N, C-alpha and C. Protein backbone atom coordinates (compact mmCIF):
# COMPACT_ATOMS: atom_id res chain seq x y z
N MET A 1 22.42 21.81 -14.23
CA MET A 1 23.06 21.65 -13.22
C MET A 1 22.05 21.87 -11.93
N PRO A 2 21.71 21.10 -12.13
CA PRO A 2 21.66 21.03 -10.03
C PRO A 2 21.44 22.28 -9.28
N LYS A 3 19.70 23.42 -9.08
CA LYS A 3 20.75 24.19 -8.00
C LYS A 3 19.63 24.47 -7.01
N VAL A 4 20.25 23.65 -5.61
CA VAL A 4 19.69 23.84 -3.80
C VAL A 4 20.38 24.65 -3.84
N ALA A 5 19.14 25.41 -2.34
CA ALA A 5 18.97 25.86 -1.59
C ALA A 5 20.35 25.70 -0.35
N VAL A 6 20.45 26.97 -0.08
CA VAL A 6 21.85 26.27 1.42
C VAL A 6 21.10 26.96 2.61
N TYR A 7 21.60 26.56 3.50
CA TYR A 7 20.13 26.83 4.74
C TYR A 7 21.22 27.02 6.17
N LYS A 8 20.49 28.09 6.81
CA LYS A 8 21.51 28.11 8.54
C LYS A 8 21.02 27.10 9.15
N THR A 9 21.42 26.48 9.88
CA THR A 9 21.17 25.96 11.09
C THR A 9 19.54 26.48 12.25
N ASP A 10 19.21 27.72 11.72
CA ASP A 10 18.18 28.17 12.26
C ASP A 10 16.78 28.46 11.26
N GLY A 11 17.59 27.47 9.91
CA GLY A 11 16.36 26.87 9.41
C GLY A 11 16.17 28.01 8.26
N THR A 12 16.85 29.33 8.14
CA THR A 12 17.18 30.45 7.49
C THR A 12 17.77 30.49 5.42
N GLU A 13 17.07 30.56 4.37
CA GLU A 13 18.07 30.49 3.70
C GLU A 13 19.29 31.47 3.25
N ALA A 14 20.41 30.31 3.12
CA ALA A 14 21.40 31.63 3.60
C ALA A 14 22.32 32.24 1.27
N GLY A 15 20.78 31.77 0.30
CA GLY A 15 21.69 31.42 -0.57
C GLY A 15 21.28 29.98 -1.55
N LYS A 16 21.84 30.04 -2.84
CA LYS A 16 21.74 29.12 -3.46
C LYS A 16 22.54 28.36 -4.02
N ILE A 17 23.12 26.70 -4.30
CA ILE A 17 24.85 26.30 -4.42
C ILE A 17 24.14 25.31 -5.83
N ASN A 18 25.14 25.12 -6.28
CA ASN A 18 24.85 25.21 -8.04
C ASN A 18 25.86 23.34 -7.60
N LEU A 19 25.49 22.37 -7.49
CA LEU A 19 25.67 20.75 -7.97
C LEU A 19 25.96 20.50 -9.13
N LYS A 20 27.36 19.43 -8.48
CA LYS A 20 28.03 19.40 -10.73
C LYS A 20 26.99 17.70 -11.53
N ASP A 21 26.70 18.25 -12.58
CA ASP A 21 26.02 17.53 -13.19
C ASP A 21 26.88 15.77 -12.86
N GLU A 22 28.02 15.62 -12.86
CA GLU A 22 27.91 14.18 -12.90
C GLU A 22 28.88 13.36 -11.42
N VAL A 23 27.87 14.12 -10.33
CA VAL A 23 27.73 14.11 -8.99
C VAL A 23 26.44 13.20 -9.02
N PHE A 24 25.69 14.99 -9.46
CA PHE A 24 24.47 15.56 -8.46
C PHE A 24 23.44 15.10 -9.60
N GLY A 25 23.99 14.41 -10.80
CA GLY A 25 22.75 15.19 -12.13
C GLY A 25 22.46 13.96 -12.40
N VAL A 26 23.11 12.40 -12.41
CA VAL A 26 23.50 11.79 -13.90
C VAL A 26 21.67 10.96 -13.89
N LYS A 27 22.23 9.87 -14.12
CA LYS A 27 20.57 9.60 -14.85
C LYS A 27 20.92 8.26 -13.46
N VAL A 28 19.78 8.28 -13.56
CA VAL A 28 20.10 6.97 -11.96
C VAL A 28 20.07 5.48 -12.52
N ASN A 29 20.36 4.96 -11.94
CA ASN A 29 20.77 3.61 -12.41
C ASN A 29 19.91 2.17 -10.89
N GLU A 30 19.19 1.78 -11.54
CA GLU A 30 18.77 1.13 -9.93
C GLU A 30 19.72 -0.15 -10.48
N ALA A 31 19.66 -0.50 -11.50
CA ALA A 31 20.34 -2.01 -11.50
C ALA A 31 22.06 -2.15 -10.79
N VAL A 32 23.37 -0.88 -11.41
CA VAL A 32 24.24 -0.49 -10.61
C VAL A 32 24.29 -0.71 -9.29
N MET A 33 23.47 0.16 -8.90
CA MET A 33 22.94 0.90 -6.91
C MET A 33 22.65 -1.15 -6.25
N HIS A 34 21.09 -1.16 -6.96
CA HIS A 34 21.27 -2.82 -6.29
C HIS A 34 22.66 -3.96 -6.35
N GLN A 35 23.75 -3.68 -7.27
CA GLN A 35 24.62 -4.16 -6.80
C GLN A 35 25.64 -4.06 -6.29
N VAL A 36 25.86 -3.34 -6.19
CA VAL A 36 27.10 -2.70 -5.28
C VAL A 36 26.51 -2.78 -3.54
N VAL A 37 24.70 -2.03 -3.34
CA VAL A 37 24.17 -2.19 -2.16
C VAL A 37 24.21 -3.69 -1.20
N VAL A 38 24.26 -4.95 -2.96
CA VAL A 38 24.45 -6.92 -2.30
C VAL A 38 25.69 -6.93 -1.59
N ALA A 39 26.59 -6.17 -3.04
CA ALA A 39 28.21 -6.35 -2.36
C ALA A 39 28.34 -5.46 -0.92
N GLN A 40 27.96 -4.87 0.01
CA GLN A 40 28.19 -4.07 0.94
C GLN A 40 27.97 -4.99 2.28
N LEU A 41 26.25 -5.41 1.57
CA LEU A 41 26.10 -6.22 3.24
C LEU A 41 26.47 -7.63 3.03
N ALA A 42 26.73 -7.94 1.29
CA ALA A 42 28.19 -9.16 1.83
C ALA A 42 29.36 -9.67 2.39
N ALA A 43 30.22 -8.00 1.73
CA ALA A 43 30.70 -7.87 2.34
C ALA A 43 31.45 -7.74 4.15
N LYS A 44 30.04 -6.84 5.23
CA LYS A 44 29.57 -7.27 6.73
C LYS A 44 29.50 -8.65 7.24
N ARG A 45 29.65 -9.69 6.12
CA ARG A 45 28.98 -11.03 6.65
C ARG A 45 30.53 -12.01 7.32
N GLN A 46 30.81 -11.85 8.02
CA GLN A 46 31.57 -12.48 9.11
C GLN A 46 32.20 -13.70 8.78
N GLY A 47 31.16 -14.85 7.54
CA GLY A 47 31.98 -16.16 7.49
C GLY A 47 32.49 -16.97 7.85
N THR A 48 32.30 -17.36 9.25
CA THR A 48 32.47 -17.54 10.69
C THR A 48 31.62 -19.49 11.14
N GLN A 49 30.54 -19.37 10.06
CA GLN A 49 30.05 -20.92 10.15
C GLN A 49 30.70 -21.32 9.82
N SER A 50 31.18 -23.00 10.64
CA SER A 50 31.21 -23.87 10.94
C SER A 50 30.78 -24.64 11.65
N THR A 51 30.20 -26.45 10.91
CA THR A 51 29.91 -27.44 11.22
C THR A 51 30.38 -27.92 10.89
N LEU A 52 30.22 -29.49 11.31
CA LEU A 52 30.62 -30.38 11.49
C LEU A 52 29.90 -32.38 9.79
N SER A 53 30.63 -32.53 8.67
CA SER A 53 30.52 -33.03 8.17
C SER A 53 30.51 -34.61 8.61
N ARG A 54 30.33 -35.74 8.33
CA ARG A 54 30.43 -37.47 9.01
C ARG A 54 31.57 -38.01 9.10
N SER A 55 32.59 -36.70 8.17
CA SER A 55 33.65 -37.51 7.78
C SER A 55 34.32 -36.81 9.71
N GLU A 56 33.92 -35.76 9.65
CA GLU A 56 34.75 -34.99 9.84
C GLU A 56 34.39 -35.18 12.02
N VAL A 57 32.33 -36.03 12.84
CA VAL A 57 31.83 -36.03 13.60
C VAL A 57 32.78 -37.11 14.20
N ARG A 58 33.77 -37.06 15.55
CA ARG A 58 34.95 -37.89 16.24
C ARG A 58 33.67 -39.79 16.93
N GLY A 59 34.85 -40.49 16.40
CA GLY A 59 33.36 -41.58 16.95
C GLY A 59 33.06 -42.41 15.23
N GLY A 60 32.37 -43.44 15.70
CA GLY A 60 30.93 -43.90 13.98
C GLY A 60 31.68 -44.68 13.22
N GLY A 61 33.29 -45.70 13.73
CA GLY A 61 33.82 -46.18 12.87
C GLY A 61 34.06 -47.90 12.86
N ILE A 62 33.10 -47.68 13.77
CA ILE A 62 32.24 -50.34 13.65
C ILE A 62 30.67 -49.66 13.19
N LYS A 63 30.75 -50.77 12.47
CA LYS A 63 28.65 -50.94 12.19
C LYS A 63 28.55 -50.83 13.06
N PRO A 64 27.21 -50.04 13.20
CA PRO A 64 26.43 -50.53 14.37
C PRO A 64 25.63 -52.00 14.57
N TRP A 65 25.18 -52.28 13.88
CA TRP A 65 24.81 -53.82 13.91
C TRP A 65 25.51 -54.36 12.43
N ARG A 66 24.63 -55.90 12.31
CA ARG A 66 25.88 -56.91 11.12
C ARG A 66 24.57 -56.42 10.14
N GLN A 67 24.47 -56.83 9.24
CA GLN A 67 24.44 -55.65 7.72
C GLN A 67 22.78 -56.53 7.49
N LYS A 68 22.42 -58.29 7.70
CA LYS A 68 20.95 -58.87 7.51
C LYS A 68 20.25 -58.95 8.38
N GLY A 69 19.58 -59.78 9.03
CA GLY A 69 18.97 -61.02 9.95
C GLY A 69 18.06 -59.50 10.85
N THR A 70 18.68 -58.59 11.34
CA THR A 70 17.55 -57.81 12.36
C THR A 70 16.31 -57.49 11.88
N GLY A 71 16.26 -57.23 11.06
CA GLY A 71 15.06 -55.86 10.61
C GLY A 71 14.98 -55.04 10.75
N ARG A 72 15.46 -54.75 10.83
CA ARG A 72 16.60 -53.40 11.14
C ARG A 72 17.18 -52.44 9.53
N ALA A 73 16.89 -51.16 9.67
CA ALA A 73 17.53 -50.84 8.18
C ALA A 73 18.73 -50.84 8.63
N ARG A 74 19.55 -51.34 7.28
CA ARG A 74 20.89 -51.22 6.64
C ARG A 74 21.82 -49.83 7.70
N ALA A 75 22.90 -49.95 8.19
CA ALA A 75 23.25 -48.98 9.22
C ALA A 75 24.84 -49.40 8.78
N GLY A 76 25.87 -48.56 8.48
CA GLY A 76 27.12 -47.79 8.92
C GLY A 76 28.04 -47.51 9.20
N THR A 77 27.50 -46.65 9.77
CA THR A 77 28.01 -45.85 10.55
C THR A 77 27.12 -44.85 11.03
N SER A 78 26.89 -44.64 12.60
CA SER A 78 26.01 -44.28 13.61
C SER A 78 26.80 -42.48 13.65
N ARG A 79 27.62 -42.50 12.46
CA ARG A 79 27.68 -40.86 12.42
C ARG A 79 27.12 -40.09 11.52
N SER A 80 26.10 -40.94 10.75
CA SER A 80 25.73 -40.98 9.50
C SER A 80 24.85 -39.91 9.80
N PRO A 81 24.32 -38.75 9.16
CA PRO A 81 23.55 -37.28 9.17
C PRO A 81 21.91 -37.90 8.95
N ILE A 82 21.81 -38.47 9.42
CA ILE A 82 19.95 -39.51 9.99
C ILE A 82 20.33 -39.31 11.92
N TRP A 83 21.34 -39.71 11.51
CA TRP A 83 21.40 -40.20 13.16
C TRP A 83 21.96 -38.43 14.57
N THR A 84 20.76 -39.29 15.43
CA THR A 84 21.58 -38.24 16.15
C THR A 84 22.86 -38.16 16.61
N LYS A 85 23.63 -36.94 17.10
CA LYS A 85 25.02 -37.18 17.20
C LYS A 85 25.72 -36.84 15.71
N GLY A 86 24.70 -36.83 15.12
CA GLY A 86 25.58 -37.22 13.67
C GLY A 86 25.97 -35.97 12.73
N GLY A 87 27.03 -36.13 11.19
CA GLY A 87 27.82 -35.27 10.90
C GLY A 87 26.38 -34.53 10.55
N VAL A 88 26.82 -33.27 9.76
CA VAL A 88 25.68 -32.99 8.68
C VAL A 88 25.56 -32.67 7.93
N THR A 89 24.27 -32.57 7.06
CA THR A 89 24.38 -32.74 5.21
C THR A 89 24.93 -31.84 4.92
N PHE A 90 25.67 -31.42 4.04
CA PHE A 90 26.39 -29.89 2.98
C PHE A 90 26.66 -28.88 3.60
N ALA A 91 27.83 -29.26 5.08
CA ALA A 91 28.08 -28.77 6.64
C ALA A 91 28.65 -27.73 6.29
N MET A 92 28.16 -26.43 6.73
CA MET A 92 29.05 -25.38 5.59
C MET A 92 30.26 -25.04 7.04
N LYS A 93 31.12 -24.34 5.82
CA LYS A 93 32.67 -24.27 6.05
C LYS A 93 32.64 -22.30 6.31
N PRO A 94 33.60 -22.26 7.24
CA PRO A 94 33.68 -20.84 6.89
C PRO A 94 34.57 -20.55 5.08
N ARG A 95 33.80 -19.43 4.72
CA ARG A 95 33.94 -18.85 3.62
C ARG A 95 34.24 -17.16 3.33
N ASP A 96 34.06 -16.67 2.74
CA ASP A 96 34.63 -15.36 1.77
C ASP A 96 32.92 -15.13 2.36
N TYR A 97 31.93 -13.77 1.26
CA TYR A 97 31.36 -14.18 1.36
C TYR A 97 31.38 -12.27 -0.42
N THR A 98 32.46 -11.88 0.05
CA THR A 98 32.84 -10.57 -0.20
C THR A 98 32.96 -10.40 -1.58
N GLN A 99 33.07 -9.72 -2.25
CA GLN A 99 31.81 -9.42 -4.28
C GLN A 99 32.92 -8.18 -4.44
N LYS A 100 33.56 -8.91 -5.76
CA LYS A 100 33.92 -7.89 -6.93
C LYS A 100 33.27 -7.02 -7.50
N VAL A 101 34.04 -5.35 -6.90
CA VAL A 101 32.35 -3.94 -8.26
C VAL A 101 33.47 -3.41 -8.04
N ASN A 102 33.78 -3.82 -9.43
CA ASN A 102 34.54 -2.46 -10.52
C ASN A 102 34.76 -1.09 -9.70
N LYS A 103 35.95 -0.12 -9.14
CA LYS A 103 35.47 1.30 -8.87
C LYS A 103 34.45 2.33 -9.59
N LYS A 104 34.24 2.25 -11.18
CA LYS A 104 34.07 2.78 -12.00
C LYS A 104 32.01 2.09 -11.65
N VAL A 105 31.89 1.06 -11.30
CA VAL A 105 30.06 0.65 -11.13
C VAL A 105 30.23 1.25 -10.30
N ARG A 106 31.50 0.79 -9.41
CA ARG A 106 31.07 2.15 -6.99
C ARG A 106 30.68 3.11 -7.78
N LYS A 107 31.49 3.55 -8.28
CA LYS A 107 31.55 5.52 -8.14
C LYS A 107 30.14 5.59 -9.04
N LEU A 108 29.55 5.11 -9.79
CA LEU A 108 27.96 4.93 -10.48
C LEU A 108 27.30 5.13 -9.96
N ALA A 109 27.49 3.93 -8.56
CA ALA A 109 25.94 3.73 -8.08
C ALA A 109 25.92 5.09 -7.12
N ILE A 110 26.64 5.37 -6.32
CA ILE A 110 26.79 6.23 -5.65
C ILE A 110 26.25 7.79 -6.16
N GLN A 111 27.44 8.05 -7.32
CA GLN A 111 26.64 9.17 -7.99
C GLN A 111 25.08 8.87 -8.25
N SER A 112 24.81 7.92 -8.98
CA SER A 112 23.10 7.41 -8.46
C SER A 112 21.95 7.62 -7.89
N ALA A 113 22.49 7.33 -5.96
CA ALA A 113 21.87 7.60 -5.13
C ALA A 113 22.03 9.00 -5.03
N LEU A 114 22.98 9.61 -5.25
CA LEU A 114 22.95 11.12 -4.91
C LEU A 114 21.94 11.67 -5.85
N SER A 115 22.48 11.44 -6.77
CA SER A 115 21.20 12.08 -7.73
C SER A 115 19.66 11.70 -7.36
N LEU A 116 19.68 11.16 -7.18
CA LEU A 116 18.18 9.93 -6.45
C LEU A 116 17.84 11.38 -4.90
N LYS A 117 18.39 11.62 -4.49
CA LYS A 117 18.21 12.16 -2.89
C LYS A 117 18.32 14.04 -3.57
N VAL A 118 18.50 13.91 -4.76
CA VAL A 118 18.57 15.51 -5.48
C VAL A 118 17.05 16.10 -6.27
N ALA A 119 17.01 14.80 -6.92
CA ALA A 119 15.74 14.07 -8.09
C ALA A 119 14.42 14.26 -6.66
N ASP A 120 14.18 13.91 -5.77
CA ASP A 120 13.15 12.86 -5.32
C ASP A 120 13.43 14.29 -3.98
N LYS A 121 14.61 15.40 -3.69
CA LYS A 121 13.98 16.24 -2.68
C LYS A 121 13.87 16.67 -1.80
N ASN A 122 14.93 15.11 -1.20
CA ASN A 122 15.53 14.50 0.50
C ASN A 122 16.78 14.89 0.94
N ILE A 123 17.59 15.85 0.39
CA ILE A 123 19.45 17.39 0.59
C ILE A 123 18.89 18.22 0.45
N VAL A 124 19.04 18.66 1.99
CA VAL A 124 19.79 19.39 2.56
C VAL A 124 20.53 19.91 2.95
N VAL A 125 20.99 20.83 2.79
CA VAL A 125 22.51 21.92 2.45
C VAL A 125 22.62 22.54 3.43
N LEU A 126 23.47 22.71 3.93
CA LEU A 126 23.67 23.76 5.44
C LEU A 126 25.30 24.19 4.82
N ASP A 127 24.67 25.72 4.92
CA ASP A 127 25.98 26.08 5.27
C ASP A 127 27.29 25.99 6.20
N GLU A 128 26.66 25.73 7.17
CA GLU A 128 28.21 25.04 8.04
C GLU A 128 27.20 24.18 9.37
N LEU A 129 28.24 23.66 9.58
CA LEU A 129 27.02 23.31 11.04
C LEU A 129 28.65 21.99 12.40
N ASN A 130 28.20 23.72 13.05
CA ASN A 130 29.36 24.04 14.04
C ASN A 130 28.46 23.91 15.19
N LEU A 131 28.91 23.00 16.25
CA LEU A 131 28.09 23.03 17.66
C LEU A 131 28.75 23.35 18.82
N ASP A 132 28.24 24.00 19.85
CA ASP A 132 28.49 25.07 20.41
C ASP A 132 29.91 23.53 21.35
N GLN A 133 28.66 22.41 21.28
CA GLN A 133 29.09 20.89 22.63
C GLN A 133 28.41 20.55 21.72
N PRO A 134 29.00 20.06 21.66
CA PRO A 134 28.46 17.88 21.28
C PRO A 134 26.93 17.40 22.26
N LYS A 135 26.25 17.94 21.97
CA LYS A 135 24.73 18.07 23.22
C LYS A 135 24.03 17.34 22.04
N THR A 136 22.91 16.27 22.01
CA THR A 136 22.27 15.74 21.56
C THR A 136 21.55 16.71 21.73
N ARG A 137 21.26 17.90 22.57
CA ARG A 137 19.59 18.38 22.54
C ARG A 137 20.04 19.46 21.31
N LEU A 138 21.31 19.75 20.39
CA LEU A 138 21.19 20.92 20.32
C LEU A 138 21.19 19.71 19.02
N MET A 139 22.10 19.00 18.89
CA MET A 139 21.72 18.29 17.34
C MET A 139 20.24 17.95 16.27
N ALA A 140 19.47 17.82 18.14
CA ALA A 140 18.18 17.26 17.73
C ALA A 140 17.15 18.53 17.14
N GLN A 141 18.03 20.16 18.12
CA GLN A 141 17.42 20.78 17.35
C GLN A 141 17.45 21.33 16.47
N VAL A 142 18.29 21.13 15.86
CA VAL A 142 18.92 21.79 14.06
C VAL A 142 17.71 20.23 13.50
N LEU A 143 17.46 19.46 13.09
CA LEU A 143 16.90 18.21 12.61
C LEU A 143 15.45 18.40 12.61
N GLY A 144 14.98 19.27 14.09
CA GLY A 144 13.75 19.03 14.12
C GLY A 144 13.66 20.66 13.10
N VAL A 145 14.88 21.81 13.36
CA VAL A 145 13.93 22.34 12.26
C VAL A 145 13.49 22.20 10.86
N PHE A 146 14.47 21.36 10.48
CA PHE A 146 14.13 20.80 8.81
C PHE A 146 12.90 19.94 9.08
N ASP A 147 12.24 19.11 9.85
CA ASP A 147 11.98 18.33 10.87
C ASP A 147 12.17 16.99 10.04
N ILE A 148 13.41 16.61 10.39
CA ILE A 148 13.94 15.32 9.55
C ILE A 148 13.83 14.15 11.33
N ASN A 149 12.81 12.35 10.42
CA ASN A 149 13.34 12.26 11.68
C ASN A 149 14.34 11.34 11.58
N LYS A 150 14.46 10.20 10.44
CA LYS A 150 15.81 9.58 9.44
C LYS A 150 16.52 10.95 8.46
N ALA A 151 17.99 10.67 9.50
CA ALA A 151 18.92 11.74 8.51
C ALA A 151 20.47 10.86 8.21
N LEU A 152 21.14 10.96 6.35
CA LEU A 152 22.76 10.88 7.34
C LEU A 152 23.11 12.28 7.26
N ILE A 153 23.84 12.46 7.47
CA ILE A 153 24.45 13.57 7.90
C ILE A 153 25.77 13.55 7.48
N VAL A 154 25.90 14.23 6.62
CA VAL A 154 27.11 14.50 5.70
C VAL A 154 28.60 14.84 6.24
N THR A 155 29.61 14.96 6.31
CA THR A 155 30.60 16.51 7.07
C THR A 155 31.47 16.15 6.28
N ALA A 156 32.61 17.55 6.29
CA ALA A 156 33.56 17.61 4.52
C ALA A 156 34.29 16.98 5.14
N ALA A 157 35.26 16.55 6.69
CA ALA A 157 35.56 15.84 7.91
C ALA A 157 34.48 15.14 9.08
N LYS A 158 35.31 14.15 9.25
CA LYS A 158 35.12 13.53 10.72
C LYS A 158 34.36 14.62 11.58
N ASP A 159 33.61 15.11 11.56
CA ASP A 159 33.77 15.93 13.24
C ASP A 159 33.40 15.19 14.25
N GLU A 160 34.30 15.29 15.02
CA GLU A 160 33.65 14.99 16.91
C GLU A 160 32.68 15.33 16.81
N SER A 161 32.26 16.85 17.45
CA SER A 161 31.93 16.92 18.00
C SER A 161 29.87 16.79 17.61
N VAL A 162 30.58 17.11 16.32
CA VAL A 162 28.94 16.30 15.35
C VAL A 162 28.13 15.36 15.31
N VAL A 163 30.05 14.20 15.53
CA VAL A 163 28.93 12.71 15.21
C VAL A 163 28.91 12.65 17.43
N ARG A 164 29.05 12.19 18.41
CA ARG A 164 29.19 12.58 19.70
C ARG A 164 27.62 13.42 19.89
N ALA A 165 27.04 14.05 18.65
CA ALA A 165 25.65 14.60 19.69
C ALA A 165 25.19 14.07 18.61
N SER A 166 25.03 13.15 17.47
CA SER A 166 23.96 12.71 16.79
C SER A 166 23.49 10.93 17.41
N GLY A 167 24.94 11.22 18.06
CA GLY A 167 24.97 9.41 18.19
C GLY A 167 23.91 8.29 19.09
N ASN A 168 23.58 9.36 20.15
CA ASN A 168 22.16 8.61 20.30
C ASN A 168 20.95 9.29 19.78
N ILE A 169 20.77 9.61 18.76
CA ILE A 169 19.48 9.53 18.51
C ILE A 169 19.48 8.82 17.15
N ALA A 170 18.34 7.93 17.20
CA ALA A 170 18.20 6.80 16.95
C ALA A 170 17.30 7.09 14.92
N GLY A 171 17.70 6.82 14.12
CA GLY A 171 18.00 6.65 12.50
C GLY A 171 18.48 8.19 12.33
N VAL A 172 19.43 8.57 12.85
CA VAL A 172 20.61 9.27 12.82
C VAL A 172 22.79 8.38 12.48
N LYS A 173 22.83 9.31 11.39
CA LYS A 173 24.29 8.64 11.15
C LYS A 173 25.17 9.73 10.63
N THR A 174 26.38 9.64 11.06
CA THR A 174 27.53 10.74 10.81
C THR A 174 28.69 10.03 10.06
N LEU A 175 28.34 10.35 8.98
CA LEU A 175 30.01 10.00 7.97
C LEU A 175 30.80 11.64 7.55
N PRO A 176 31.71 11.01 7.72
CA PRO A 176 32.89 12.48 7.00
C PRO A 176 32.35 11.67 5.02
N ALA A 177 33.14 12.93 3.74
CA ALA A 177 32.65 12.83 3.29
C ALA A 177 32.80 11.73 2.06
N GLU A 178 33.94 11.53 2.33
CA GLU A 178 34.95 10.36 1.61
C GLU A 178 34.37 9.13 1.79
N SER A 179 33.68 8.68 3.29
CA SER A 179 32.88 7.54 3.17
C SER A 179 31.40 7.15 3.35
N VAL A 180 31.21 8.60 2.02
CA VAL A 180 29.69 8.39 1.82
C VAL A 180 30.02 7.48 0.44
N ASN A 181 29.04 6.61 1.05
CA ASN A 181 28.16 5.06 0.37
C ASN A 181 26.45 4.92 -0.15
N VAL A 182 26.38 4.00 -0.74
CA VAL A 182 25.11 3.78 -1.37
C VAL A 182 24.56 2.69 -0.92
N TYR A 183 24.35 2.67 -0.15
CA TYR A 183 24.13 1.70 1.66
C TYR A 183 23.41 2.96 1.94
N ASP A 184 24.02 3.61 2.99
CA ASP A 184 23.70 4.57 3.92
C ASP A 184 22.81 5.98 2.90
N LEU A 185 22.95 5.86 2.05
CA LEU A 185 22.50 6.62 1.68
C LEU A 185 21.34 6.74 1.12
N LEU A 186 21.51 5.17 0.42
CA LEU A 186 19.82 4.75 -0.07
C LEU A 186 18.84 3.93 1.69
N ASN A 187 19.81 4.40 2.57
CA ASN A 187 18.71 3.09 3.84
C ASN A 187 18.17 4.62 4.64
N TYR A 188 19.55 6.11 4.45
CA TYR A 188 18.05 6.53 4.96
C TYR A 188 17.32 7.61 4.50
N ASP A 189 16.46 8.07 4.96
CA ASP A 189 15.53 9.31 4.57
C ASP A 189 15.73 10.61 4.08
N LYS A 190 16.26 10.50 4.67
CA LYS A 190 16.72 12.37 4.10
C LYS A 190 18.65 12.26 3.95
N LEU A 191 19.03 13.44 3.20
CA LEU A 191 20.13 13.73 3.37
C LEU A 191 20.82 15.11 3.85
N LEU A 192 21.07 15.35 4.89
CA LEU A 192 22.01 16.79 5.68
C LEU A 192 23.28 16.55 5.06
N ILE A 193 23.78 17.40 4.46
CA ILE A 193 25.15 17.59 4.68
C ILE A 193 25.68 18.94 4.21
N THR A 194 27.04 18.72 4.82
CA THR A 194 27.44 21.07 4.76
C THR A 194 27.80 20.83 3.38
N LYS A 195 28.29 22.29 3.62
CA LYS A 195 28.83 22.48 1.81
C LYS A 195 29.82 22.91 1.05
N ASP A 196 30.62 22.78 2.29
CA ASP A 196 32.41 22.19 2.44
C ASP A 196 31.74 21.47 2.11
N ALA A 197 30.99 19.84 2.51
CA ALA A 197 31.12 18.08 1.92
C ALA A 197 30.72 18.19 1.00
N VAL A 198 29.60 19.07 0.87
CA VAL A 198 28.84 19.00 -0.69
C VAL A 198 30.81 19.30 -1.63
N LYS A 199 31.63 19.92 -1.48
CA LYS A 199 32.81 20.48 -2.48
C LYS A 199 33.06 19.02 -2.00
N LYS A 200 33.48 18.35 -1.88
CA LYS A 200 34.36 17.47 -1.32
C LYS A 200 33.82 16.08 -1.70
N VAL A 201 33.02 15.31 -1.21
CA VAL A 201 31.71 14.98 -2.52
C VAL A 201 31.59 15.79 -4.28
N GLU A 202 31.89 16.28 -4.37
CA GLU A 202 32.33 16.45 -5.75
C GLU A 202 33.38 15.63 -6.22
N GLU A 203 34.84 16.48 -5.77
CA GLU A 203 36.01 15.83 -5.35
C GLU A 203 36.53 14.51 -5.56
N VAL A 204 35.70 14.24 -4.64
CA VAL A 204 36.14 12.49 -4.74
C VAL A 204 35.00 11.32 -5.97
N PHE A 205 33.83 11.49 -6.11
CA PHE A 205 33.45 10.95 -6.80
C PHE A 205 32.88 11.51 -8.34
N ALA A 206 33.77 12.95 -8.49
CA ALA A 206 33.42 13.26 -9.42
C ALA A 206 33.94 12.07 -11.52
């Protein structure tokens, strides 16, 4: 069972916390993480691209010139893909890019990403993260204490003060525990998580 230190926002240690093996101590499965990240990125694609094929371009019903005797290549329509203002070869049409990922696979990927953060010592657990005001300066001070430049901040529930305080800091993103995902875990160097959020993550992804 992994054990990590719990810190106060001023950097002083406030104790230790045991992390569940089934969430923070599993064998890292890179293939599963890759599969889920690809699916996440694919789901973000709008899929609204659309171009016209030769049969959809207006005009071109008449043969441009007679078949023989002109010395030019044969042409049946001025809307051929090789003509200016013609159609598009293999025209792109709206489509759905989403990929199906089983719940167990998605959960294993998240467990692997969390375990990787613990194994690489890129996790910082805070006793609590209460800001007096939703000020960027206050959040920057907390990150500065732990020498963090690029971090994913996870709270037990959505905290508007934390969201607003970190919104203008480049390389920082805030999520509630239930919205933790593989892409963000891998995309940010450090995981800054509150003790309450750890328990919530263990409840959701165990």
